[in-house]
Amino acid sequence: MPSTEELVEAARVGDVSAFSELVRRYEGTVTVTAWTIVRDFHRARDVAQESFVIAYQKLDRLRDSKVLLW
């Protein structure tokens, strides 16, 4: 199983399946984190989804895939 760092590096060069795996691995954590802020499950899912969209759009700006809070 590839590490998070390997998946991020693959996603950075356009591997959509690598990013999909990152979403699969971390969607629960991101959703729970969002829920602690918004206190509404459906809004938390929306926030999580938007967070992943933004993360995908900004992968090219990531300087070091080792420095992730995931």
PDB file of N, CA and C in Angstrom:
ATOM      1  N   MET A   1       0.849  -1.177   0.000  1.00  0.00           N
ATOM      2  CA  MET A   1       0.000   0.000   0.000  1.00  0.00           C
ATOM      3  C   MET A   1       0.894   1.241   0.000  1.00  0.00           C
ATOM      4  N   PRO A   2       0.655   2.152  -0.924  1.00  0.00           N
ATOM      5  CA  PRO A   2       1.482   3.363  -0.995  1.00  0.00           C
ATOM      6  C   PRO A   2       1.260   4.268   0.224  1.00  0.00           C
ATOM      7  N   SER A   3       2.306   4.964   0.590  1.00  0.00           N
ATOM      8  CA  SER A   3       2.221   5.916   1.699  1.00  0.00           C
ATOM      9  C   SER A   3       1.483   7.173   1.245  1.00  0.00           C
ATOM     10  N   THR A   4       1.092   7.965   2.210  1.00  0.00           N
ATOM     11  CA  THR A   4       0.460   9.247   1.893  1.00  0.00           C
ATOM     12  C   THR A   4       1.395  10.095   1.046  1.00  0.00           C
ATOM     13  N   GLU A   5       2.656  10.121   1.410  1.00  0.00           N
ATOM     14  CA  GLU A   5       3.624  10.911   0.662  1.00  0.00           C
ATOM     15  C   GLU A   5       3.703  10.450  -0.797  1.00  0.00           C
ATOM     16  N   GLU A   6       3.727   9.144  -1.018  1.00  0.00           N
ATOM     17  CA  GLU A   6       3.776   8.620  -2.378  1.00  0.00           C
ATOM     18  C   GLU A   6       2.517   8.988  -3.166  1.00  0.00           C
ATOM     19  N   LEU A   7       1.374   8.910  -2.506  1.00  0.00           N
ATOM     20  CA  LEU A   7       0.126   9.270  -3.171  1.00  0.00           C
ATOM     21  C   LEU A   7       0.089  10.753  -3.525  1.00  0.00           C
ATOM     22  N   VAL A   8       0.556  11.591  -2.626  1.00  0.00           N
ATOM     23  CA  VAL A   8       0.590  13.035  -2.902  1.00  0.00           C
ATOM     24  C   VAL A   8       1.499  13.318  -4.090  1.00  0.00           C
ATOM     25  N   GLU A   9       2.665  12.707  -4.099  1.00  0.00           N
ATOM     26  CA  GLU A   9       3.589  12.929  -5.219  1.00  0.00           C
ATOM     27  C   GLU A   9       2.979  12.457  -6.531  1.00  0.00           C
ATOM     28  N   ALA A  10       2.299  11.324  -6.511  1.00  0.00           N
ATOM     29  CA  ALA A  10       1.648  10.826  -7.728  1.00  0.00           C
ATOM     30  C   ALA A  10       0.524  11.765  -8.157  1.00  0.00           C
ATOM     31  N   ALA A  11      -0.249  12.247  -7.209  1.00  0.00           N
ATOM     32  CA  ALA A  11      -1.345  13.170  -7.516  1.00  0.00           C
ATOM     33  C   ALA A  11      -0.802  14.474  -8.091  1.00  0.00           C
ATOM     34  N   ARG A  12       0.330  14.905  -7.587  1.00  0.00           N
ATOM     35  CA  ARG A  12       0.930  16.158  -8.074  1.00  0.00           C
ATOM     36  C   ARG A  12       1.276  16.087  -9.552  1.00  0.00           C
ATOM     37  N   VAL A  13       1.579  14.897 -10.056  1.00  0.00           N
ATOM     38  CA  VAL A  13       1.935  14.771 -11.476  1.00  0.00           C
ATOM     39  C   VAL A  13       0.749  14.287 -12.309  1.00  0.00           C
ATOM     40  N   GLY A  14      -0.456  14.352 -11.729  1.00  0.00           N
ATOM     41  CA  GLY A  14      -1.651  14.101 -12.502  1.00  0.00           C
ATOM     42  C   GLY A  14      -2.339  12.765 -12.321  1.00  0.00           C
ATOM     43  N   ASP A  15      -1.895  11.952 -11.377  1.00  0.00           N
ATOM     44  CA  ASP A  15      -2.526  10.652 -11.144  1.00  0.00           C
ATOM     45  C   ASP A  15      -3.804  10.849 -10.323  1.00  0.00           C
ATOM     46  N   VAL A  16      -4.924  10.880 -11.018  1.00  0.00           N
ATOM     47  CA  VAL A  16      -6.214  11.124 -10.373  1.00  0.00           C
ATOM     48  C   VAL A  16      -6.567   9.994  -9.407  1.00  0.00           C
ATOM     49  N   SER A  17      -6.201   8.778  -9.734  1.00  0.00           N
ATOM     50  CA  SER A  17      -6.513   7.653  -8.843  1.00  0.00           C
ATOM     51  C   SER A  17      -5.757   7.780  -7.522  1.00  0.00           C
ATOM     52  N   ALA A  18      -4.572   8.371  -7.548  1.00  0.00           N
ATOM     53  CA  ALA A  18      -3.817   8.593  -6.308  1.00  0.00           C
ATOM     54  C   ALA A  18      -4.552   9.593  -5.427  1.00  0.00           C
ATOM     55  N   PHE A  19      -5.066  10.656  -6.039  1.00  0.00           N
ATOM     56  CA  PHE A  19      -5.813  11.630  -5.250  1.00  0.00           C
ATOM     57  C   PHE A  19      -7.103  11.014  -4.726  1.00  0.00           C
ATOM     58  N   SER A  20      -7.741  10.192  -5.526  1.00  0.00           N
ATOM     59  CA  SER A  20      -8.953   9.496  -5.073  1.00  0.00           C
ATOM     60  C   SER A  20      -8.666   8.632  -3.851  1.00  0.00           C
ATOM     61  N   GLU A  21      -7.524   7.990  -3.843  1.00  0.00           N
ATOM     62  CA  GLU A  21      -7.137   7.178  -2.684  1.00  0.00           C
ATOM     63  C   GLU A  21      -6.904   8.058  -1.458  1.00  0.00           C
ATOM     64  N   LEU A  22      -6.305   9.218  -1.642  1.00  0.00           N
ATOM     65  CA  LEU A  22      -6.131  10.149  -0.520  1.00  0.00           C
ATOM     66  C   LEU A  22      -7.490  10.564   0.043  1.00  0.00           C
ATOM     67  N   VAL A  23      -8.426  10.861  -0.837  1.00  0.00           N
ATOM     68  CA  VAL A  23      -9.767  11.230  -0.386  1.00  0.00           C
ATOM     69  C   VAL A  23     -10.384  10.075   0.381  1.00  0.00           C
ATOM     70  N   ARG A  24     -10.285   8.862  -0.159  1.00  0.00           N
ATOM     71  CA  ARG A  24     -10.852   7.697   0.506  1.00  0.00           C
ATOM     72  C   ARG A  24     -10.263   7.513   1.903  1.00  0.00           C
ATOM     73  N   ARG A  25      -8.958   7.685   2.004  1.00  0.00           N
ATOM     74  CA  ARG A  25      -8.285   7.498   3.300  1.00  0.00           C
ATOM     75  C   ARG A  25      -8.675   8.554   4.331  1.00  0.00           C
ATOM     76  N   TYR A  26      -8.860   9.773   3.877  1.00  0.00           N
ATOM     77  CA  TYR A  26      -8.979  10.874   4.834  1.00  0.00           C
ATOM     78  C   TYR A  26     -10.340  11.561   4.875  1.00  0.00           C
ATOM     79  N   GLU A  27     -11.297  11.114   4.064  1.00  0.00           N
ATOM     80  CA  GLU A  27     -12.586  11.796   4.052  1.00  0.00           C
ATOM     81  C   GLU A  27     -13.288  11.728   5.406  1.00  0.00           C
ATOM     82  N   GLY A  28     -13.149  10.631   6.118  1.00  0.00           N
ATOM     83  CA  GLY A  28     -13.774  10.522   7.436  1.00  0.00           C
ATOM     84  C   GLY A  28     -13.193  11.520   8.427  1.00  0.00           C
ATOM     85  N   THR A  29     -11.884  11.589   8.458  1.00  0.00           N
ATOM     86  CA  THR A  29     -11.207  12.513   9.370  1.00  0.00           C
ATOM     87  C   THR A  29     -11.547  13.958   9.040  1.00  0.00           C
ATOM     88  N   VAL A  30     -11.541  14.290   7.766  1.00  0.00           N
ATOM     89  CA  VAL A  30     -11.843  15.656   7.353  1.00  0.00           C
ATOM     90  C   VAL A  30     -13.300  15.995   7.666  1.00  0.00           C
ATOM     91  N   THR A  31     -14.201  15.056   7.438  1.00  0.00           N
ATOM     92  CA  THR A  31     -15.614  15.293   7.723  1.00  0.00           C
ATOM     93  C   THR A  31     -15.856  15.486   9.214  1.00  0.00           C
ATOM     94  N   VAL A  32     -15.240  14.651  10.036  1.00  0.00           N
ATOM     95  CA  VAL A  32     -15.396  14.788  11.497  1.00  0.00           C
ATOM     96  C   VAL A  32     -14.825  16.121  11.965  1.00  0.00           C
ATOM     97  N   THR A  33     -13.684  16.492  11.422  1.00  0.00           N
ATOM     98  CA  THR A  33     -13.088  17.775  11.791  1.00  0.00           C
ATOM     99  C   THR A  33     -14.017  18.924  11.408  1.00  0.00           C
ATOM    100  N   ALA A  34     -14.575  18.862  10.216  1.00  0.00           N
ATOM    101  CA  ALA A  34     -15.512  19.905   9.782  1.00  0.00           C
ATOM    102  C   ALA A  34     -16.750  19.902  10.673  1.00  0.00           C
ATOM    103  N   TRP A  35     -17.229  18.718  11.049  1.00  0.00           N
ATOM    104  CA  TRP A  35     -18.417  18.629  11.898  1.00  0.00           C
ATOM    105  C   TRP A  35     -18.178  19.301  13.251  1.00  0.00           C
ATOM    106  N   THR A  36     -16.968  19.187  13.796  1.00  0.00           N
ATOM    107  CA  THR A  36     -16.693  19.823  15.087  1.00  0.00           C
ATOM    108  C   THR A  36     -16.807  21.342  14.994  1.00  0.00           C
ATOM    109  N   ILE A  37     -16.696  21.860  13.795  1.00  0.00           N
ATOM    110  CA  ILE A  37     -16.807  23.305  13.597  1.00  0.00           C
ATOM    111  C   ILE A  37     -18.239  23.716  13.253  1.00  0.00           C
ATOM    112  N   VAL A  38     -18.861  23.014  12.295  1.00  0.00           N
ATOM    113  CA  VAL A  38     -20.178  23.452  11.817  1.00  0.00           C
ATOM    114  C   VAL A  38     -21.347  22.788  12.523  1.00  0.00           C
ATOM    115  N   ARG A  39     -21.103  21.651  13.179  1.00  0.00           N
ATOM    116  CA  ARG A  39     -22.122  20.929  13.962  1.00  0.00           C
ATOM    117  C   ARG A  39     -23.362  20.539  13.159  1.00  0.00           C
ATOM    118  N   ASP A  40     -23.147  20.239  11.887  1.00  0.00           N
ATOM    119  CA  ASP A  40     -24.236  19.771  11.036  1.00  0.00           C
ATOM    120  C   ASP A  40     -23.616  18.787  10.050  1.00  0.00           C
ATOM    121  N   PHE A  41     -24.122  17.552  10.049  1.00  0.00           N
ATOM    122  CA  PHE A  41     -23.503  16.498   9.241  1.00  0.00           C
ATOM    123  C   PHE A  41     -23.471  16.848   7.759  1.00  0.00           C
ATOM    124  N   HIS A  42     -24.574  17.325   7.213  1.00  0.00           N
ATOM    125  CA  HIS A  42     -24.620  17.615   5.778  1.00  0.00           C
ATOM    126  C   HIS A  42     -23.703  18.776   5.410  1.00  0.00           C
ATOM    127  N   ARG A  43     -23.669  19.783   6.231  1.00  0.00           N
ATOM    128  CA  ARG A  43     -22.738  20.901   5.986  1.00  0.00           C
ATOM    129  C   ARG A  43     -21.301  20.423   6.115  1.00  0.00           C
ATOM    130  N   ALA A  44     -21.034  19.552   7.081  1.00  0.00           N
ATOM    131  CA  ALA A  44     -19.679  19.023   7.268  1.00  0.00           C
ATOM    132  C   ALA A  44     -19.228  18.253   6.030  1.00  0.00           C
ATOM    133  N   ARG A  45     -20.122  17.472   5.444  1.00  0.00           N
ATOM    134  CA  ARG A  45     -19.784  16.737   4.218  1.00  0.00           C
ATOM    135  C   ARG A  45     -19.487  17.715   3.079  1.00  0.00           C
ATOM    136  N   ASP A  46     -20.268  18.783   2.989  1.00  0.00           N
ATOM    137  CA  ASP A  46     -20.018  19.804   1.962  1.00  0.00           C
ATOM    138  C   ASP A  46     -18.666  20.479   2.180  1.00  0.00           C
ATOM    139  N   VAL A  47     -18.380  20.820   3.425  1.00  0.00           N
ATOM    140  CA  VAL A  47     -17.097  21.457   3.753  1.00  0.00           C
ATOM    141  C   VAL A  47     -15.943  20.519   3.413  1.00  0.00           C
ATOM    142  N   ALA A  48     -16.078  19.254   3.753  1.00  0.00           N
ATOM    143  CA  ALA A  48     -15.029  18.277   3.449  1.00  0.00           C
ATOM    144  C   ALA A  48     -14.815  18.170   1.943  1.00  0.00           C
ATOM    145  N   GLN A  49     -15.900  18.078   1.200  1.00  0.00           N
ATOM    146  CA  GLN A  49     -15.791  17.972  -0.247  1.00  0.00           C
ATOM    147  C   GLN A  49     -15.099  19.206  -0.833  1.00  0.00           C
ATOM    148  N   GLU A  50     -15.494  20.363  -0.384  1.00  0.00           N
ATOM    149  CA  GLU A  50     -14.870  21.594  -0.876  1.00  0.00           C
ATOM    150  C   GLU A  50     -13.389  21.648  -0.486  1.00  0.00           C
ATOM    151  N   SER A  51     -13.071  21.158   0.688  1.00  0.00           N
ATOM    152  CA  SER A  51     -11.670  21.130   1.128  1.00  0.00           C
ATOM    153  C   SER A  51     -10.821  20.270   0.204  1.00  0.00           C
ATOM    154  N   PHE A  52     -11.356  19.121  -0.200  1.00  0.00           N
ATOM    155  CA  PHE A  52     -10.608  18.262  -1.116  1.00  0.00           C
ATOM    156  C   PHE A  52     -10.486  18.886  -2.499  1.00  0.00           C
ATOM    157  N   VAL A  53     -11.500  19.589  -2.944  1.00  0.00           N
ATOM    158  CA  VAL A  53     -11.420  20.277  -4.234  1.00  0.00           C
ATOM    159  C   VAL A  53     -10.307  21.320  -4.195  1.00  0.00           C
ATOM    160  N   ILE A  54     -10.271  22.103  -3.130  1.00  0.00           N
ATOM    161  CA  ILE A  54      -9.231  23.129  -2.983  1.00  0.00           C
ATOM    162  C   ILE A  54      -7.848  22.490  -2.885  1.00  0.00           C
ATOM    163  N   ALA A  55      -7.754  21.411  -2.111  1.00  0.00           N
ATOM    164  CA  ALA A  55      -6.466  20.714  -1.985  1.00  0.00           C
ATOM    165  C   ALA A  55      -5.985  20.230  -3.354  1.00  0.00           C
ATOM    166  N   TYR A  56      -6.884  19.666  -4.136  1.00  0.00           N
ATOM    167  CA  TYR A  56      -6.515  19.176  -5.468  1.00  0.00           C
ATOM    168  C   TYR A  56      -6.050  20.333  -6.354  1.00  0.00           C
ATOM    169  N   GLN A  57      -6.770  21.432  -6.302  1.00  0.00           N
ATOM    170  CA  GLN A  57      -6.419  22.582  -7.135  1.00  0.00           C
ATOM    171  C   GLN A  57      -5.074  23.179  -6.755  1.00  0.00           C
ATOM    172  N   LYS A  58      -4.662  23.000  -5.510  1.00  0.00           N
ATOM    173  CA  LYS A  58      -3.429  23.634  -5.041  1.00  0.00           C
ATOM    174  C   LYS A  58      -2.278  22.658  -4.843  1.00  0.00           C
ATOM    175  N   LEU A  59      -2.409  21.438  -5.335  1.00  0.00           N
ATOM    176  CA  LEU A  59      -1.325  20.458  -5.191  1.00  0.00           C
ATOM    177  C   LEU A  59      -0.009  20.955  -5.768  1.00  0.00           C
ATOM    178  N   ASP A  60      -0.092  21.704  -6.853  1.00  0.00           N
ATOM    179  CA  ASP A  60       1.134  22.196  -7.490  1.00  0.00           C
ATOM    180  C   ASP A  60       1.877  23.206  -6.622  1.00  0.00           C
ATOM    181  N   ARG A  61       1.207  23.763  -5.633  1.00  0.00           N
ATOM    182  CA  ARG A  61       1.841  24.746  -4.739  1.00  0.00           C
ATOM    183  C   ARG A  61       2.463  24.102  -3.509  1.00  0.00           C
ATOM    184  N   LEU A  62       2.221  22.821  -3.318  1.00  0.00           N
ATOM    185  CA  LEU A  62       2.769  22.119  -2.164  1.00  0.00           C
ATOM    186  C   LEU A  62       4.274  21.971  -2.332  1.00  0.00           C
ATOM    187  N   ARG A  63       5.017  22.465  -1.376  1.00  0.00           N
ATOM    188  CA  ARG A  63       6.468  22.428  -1.480  1.00  0.00           C
ATOM    189  C   ARG A  63       7.058  21.114  -0.994  1.00  0.00           C
ATOM    190  N   ASP A  64       6.457  20.506   0.009  1.00  0.00           N
ATOM    191  CA  ASP A  64       7.011  19.282   0.582  1.00  0.00           C
ATOM    192  C   ASP A  64       5.877  18.369   0.976  1.00  0.00           C
ATOM    193  N   SER A  65       5.736  17.246   0.320  1.00  0.00           N
ATOM    194  CA  SER A  65       4.635  16.333   0.611  1.00  0.00           C
ATOM    195  C   SER A  65       4.783  15.664   1.972  1.00  0.00           C
ATOM    196  N   LYS A  66       5.933  15.804   2.609  1.00  0.00           N
ATOM    197  CA  LYS A  66       6.121  15.246   3.947  1.00  0.00           C
ATOM    198  C   LYS A  66       5.478  16.135   5.019  1.00  0.00           C
ATOM    199  N   VAL A  67       5.244  17.398   4.671  1.00  0.00           N
ATOM    200  CA  VAL A  67       4.711  18.348   5.643  1.00  0.00           C
ATOM    201  C   VAL A  67       3.193  18.447   5.454  1.00  0.00           C
ATOM    202  N   LEU A  68       2.520  17.408   5.859  1.00  0.00           N
ATOM    203  CA  LEU A  68       1.068  17.369   5.776  1.00  0.00           C
ATOM    204  C   LEU A  68       0.507  17.129   7.165  1.00  0.00           C
ATOM    205  N   LEU A  69      -0.632  17.696   7.409  1.00  0.00           N
ATOM    206  CA  LEU A  69      -1.267  17.496   8.719  1.00  0.00           C
ATOM    207  C   LEU A  69      -2.154  16.275   8.727  1.00  0.00           C
ATOM    208  N   TRP A  70      -2.209  15.515   7.622  1.00  0.00           N
ATOM    209  CA  TRP A  70      -3.047  14.344   7.570  1.00  0.00           C
ATOM    210  C   TRP A  70      -2.360  13.308   8.356  1.00  0.00           C
TER     211      TRP A  70
END
